[in-house]
Amino acid sequence: MRHLIATLLSAVLLGSGLANACESLGENMHMGSIVSIDRAGNTFVILDAESQKPIRFIASKAALITLSVNDMVEVSYEVVEGGGLRMLNLARL
């Protein structure tokens, strides 16, 4: 029952547009495959492994240099003013 409630709550939060961390990883963490990189805009997008939804992260130019589409990554982030997600740490899986 607890798992069902947590799953439903996650679905509601994701549906409302809020960035919800992957439950299995912990707070402010997402894991997924990189689907696009915008080096000019300093962002990349992953397809979240848990929700199967795209999530955009703001990153430094230096971090973006090392990334490639289809890389499987784990991202820790912070929410910035305006609701964007800024990458703090990234690990390739």
C-alpha atoms as a PDB file:
ATOM      1  CA  MET A   1       0.000   0.000   0.000  1.00  0.00           C
ATOM      2  CA  ARG A   2       2.838   2.399   0.879  1.00  0.00           C
ATOM      3  CA  HIS A   3       4.503   1.767  -2.492  1.00  0.00           C
ATOM      4  CA  LEU A   4       1.215   2.419  -4.321  1.00  0.00           C
ATOM      5  CA  ILE A   5       0.760   5.740  -2.525  1.00  0.00           C
ATOM      6  CA  ALA A   6       4.364   6.763  -3.312  1.00  0.00           C
ATOM      7  CA  THR A   7       3.900   5.807  -6.966  1.00  0.00           C
ATOM      8  CA  LEU A   8       0.668   7.788  -7.242  1.00  0.00           C
ATOM      9  CA  LEU A   9       2.226  10.801  -5.539  1.00  0.00           C
ATOM     10  CA  SER A  10       5.176  10.665  -7.957  1.00  0.00           C
ATOM     11  CA  ALA A  11       2.811  10.553 -10.925  1.00  0.00           C
ATOM     12  CA  VAL A  12       0.919  13.589  -9.644  1.00  0.00           C
ATOM     13  CA  LEU A  13       4.112  15.569  -9.051  1.00  0.00           C
ATOM     14  CA  LEU A  14       5.550  14.678 -12.458  1.00  0.00           C
ATOM     15  CA  GLY A  15       2.258  15.526 -14.129  1.00  0.00           C
ATOM     16  CA  SER A  16       2.273  18.935 -12.494  1.00  0.00           C
ATOM     17  CA  GLY A  17       5.634  19.769 -14.088  1.00  0.00           C
ATOM     18  CA  LEU A  18       7.691  19.583 -10.897  1.00  0.00           C
ATOM     19  CA  ALA A  19      11.067  17.881 -11.152  1.00  0.00           C
ATOM     20  CA  ASN A  20      10.835  14.804  -8.974  1.00  0.00           C
ATOM     21  CA  ALA A  21      13.982  12.882  -8.187  1.00  0.00           C
ATOM     22  CA  CYS A  22      14.301   9.192  -9.008  1.00  0.00           C
ATOM     23  CA  GLU A  23      12.965   7.567  -5.870  1.00  0.00           C
ATOM     24  CA  SER A  24      15.503   4.764  -5.959  1.00  0.00           C
ATOM     25  CA  LEU A  25      18.459   7.204  -6.094  1.00  0.00           C
ATOM     26  CA  GLY A  26      17.409   9.698  -3.456  1.00  0.00           C
ATOM     27  CA  GLU A  27      16.727  13.392  -3.301  1.00  0.00           C
ATOM     28  CA  ASN A  28      17.831  15.632  -6.198  1.00  0.00           C
ATOM     29  CA  MET A  29      19.092  12.741  -8.329  1.00  0.00           C
ATOM     30  CA  HIS A  30      18.088  11.503 -11.764  1.00  0.00           C
ATOM     31  CA  MET A  31      19.447   8.722 -13.946  1.00  0.00           C
ATOM     32  CA  GLY A  32      18.933   8.211 -17.645  1.00  0.00           C
ATOM     33  CA  SER A  33      20.260   8.312 -21.162  1.00  0.00           C
ATOM     34  CA  ILE A  34      21.312  11.616 -22.737  1.00  0.00           C
ATOM     35  CA  VAL A  35      18.999  12.369 -25.655  1.00  0.00           C
ATOM     36  CA  SER A  36      20.244  15.840 -26.619  1.00  0.00           C
ATOM     37  CA  ILE A  37      23.006  18.325 -25.890  1.00  0.00           C
ATOM     38  CA  ASP A  38      22.792  22.072 -26.532  1.00  0.00           C
ATOM     39  CA  ARG A  39      26.346  23.332 -26.122  1.00  0.00           C
ATOM     40  CA  ALA A  40      25.402  26.887 -27.159  1.00  0.00           C
ATOM     41  CA  GLY A  41      22.630  26.974 -24.553  1.00  0.00           C
ATOM     42  CA  ASN A  42      24.647  25.111 -21.874  1.00  0.00           C
ATOM     43  CA  THR A  43      22.008  22.394 -21.395  1.00  0.00           C
ATOM     44  CA  PHE A  44      21.491  18.690 -21.910  1.00  0.00           C
ATOM     45  CA  VAL A  45      18.415  16.480 -21.732  1.00  0.00           C
ATOM     46  CA  ILE A  46      18.139  12.963 -20.372  1.00  0.00           C
ATOM     47  CA  LEU A  47      15.319  10.481 -20.770  1.00  0.00           C
ATOM     48  CA  ASP A  48      14.722   9.651 -17.118  1.00  0.00           C
ATOM     49  CA  ALA A  49      15.030   5.902 -16.489  1.00  0.00           C
ATOM     50  CA  GLU A  50      12.238   5.842 -13.916  1.00  0.00           C
ATOM     51  CA  SER A  51       9.615   8.208 -15.339  1.00  0.00           C
ATOM     52  CA  GLN A  52      10.528   7.826 -19.045  1.00  0.00           C
ATOM     53  CA  LYS A  53      10.162  11.626 -19.359  1.00  0.00           C
ATOM     54  CA  PRO A  54      12.740  14.092 -20.677  1.00  0.00           C
ATOM     55  CA  ILE A  55      14.502  16.256 -18.085  1.00  0.00           C
ATOM     56  CA  ARG A  56      16.636  19.278 -19.015  1.00  0.00           C
ATOM     57  CA  PHE A  57      19.703  20.257 -16.981  1.00  0.00           C
ATOM     58  CA  ILE A  58      21.836  23.390 -17.057  1.00  0.00           C
ATOM     59  CA  ALA A  59      25.558  22.537 -17.124  1.00  0.00           C
ATOM     60  CA  SER A  60      28.925  24.222 -17.501  1.00  0.00           C
ATOM     61  CA  LYS A  61      30.637  24.347 -20.879  1.00  0.00           C
ATOM     62  CA  ALA A  62      33.434  22.157 -19.463  1.00  0.00           C
ATOM     63  CA  ALA A  63      30.967  19.439 -18.397  1.00  0.00           C
ATOM     64  CA  LEU A  64      29.213  19.470 -21.766  1.00  0.00           C
ATOM     65  CA  ILE A  65      32.462  18.892 -23.677  1.00  0.00           C
ATOM     66  CA  THR A  66      32.759  15.392 -22.251  1.00  0.00           C
ATOM     67  CA  LEU A  67      29.136  14.346 -22.866  1.00  0.00           C
ATOM     68  CA  SER A  68      27.705  12.448 -25.816  1.00  0.00           C
ATOM     69  CA  VAL A  69      24.186  11.533 -26.858  1.00  0.00           C
ATOM     70  CA  ASN A  70      23.269   8.026 -25.594  1.00  0.00           C
ATOM     71  CA  ASP A  71      25.614   8.255 -22.567  1.00  0.00           C
ATOM     72  CA  MET A  72      23.910   6.707 -19.539  1.00  0.00           C
ATOM     73  CA  VAL A  73      24.387   9.097 -16.616  1.00  0.00           C
ATOM     74  CA  GLU A  74      23.443   9.758 -13.026  1.00  0.00           C
ATOM     75  CA  VAL A  75      22.949  13.460 -12.282  1.00  0.00           C
ATOM     76  CA  SER A  76      22.742  15.290  -8.980  1.00  0.00           C
ATOM     77  CA  TYR A  77      21.208  18.741  -9.272  1.00  0.00           C
ATOM     78  CA  GLU A  78      19.837  21.800  -7.553  1.00  0.00           C
ATOM     79  CA  VAL A  79      16.710  23.716  -8.447  1.00  0.00           C
ATOM     80  CA  VAL A  80      17.516  27.280  -9.514  1.00  0.00           C
ATOM     81  CA  GLU A  81      15.389  30.393  -9.617  1.00  0.00           C
ATOM     82  CA  GLY A  82      12.705  29.973 -12.237  1.00  0.00           C
ATOM     83  CA  GLY A  83      12.503  26.213 -11.691  1.00  0.00           C
ATOM     84  CA  GLY A  84      15.425  25.087 -13.845  1.00  0.00           C
ATOM     85  CA  LEU A  85      17.712  22.242 -12.786  1.00  0.00           C
ATOM     86  CA  ARG A  86      21.453  22.919 -12.509  1.00  0.00           C
ATOM     87  CA  MET A  87      23.744  19.895 -12.673  1.00  0.00           C
ATOM     88  CA  LEU A  88      26.015  19.639  -9.638  1.00  0.00           C
ATOM     89  CA  ASN A  89      27.685  16.284 -10.321  1.00  0.00           C
ATOM     90  CA  LEU A  90      27.489  13.777 -13.129  1.00  0.00           C
ATOM     91  CA  ALA A  91      28.608  10.162 -13.253  1.00  0.00           C
ATOM     92  CA  ARG A  92      28.655   7.956 -16.352  1.00  0.00           C
ATOM     93  CA  LEU A  93      27.193   4.519 -15.812  1.00  0.00           C
END
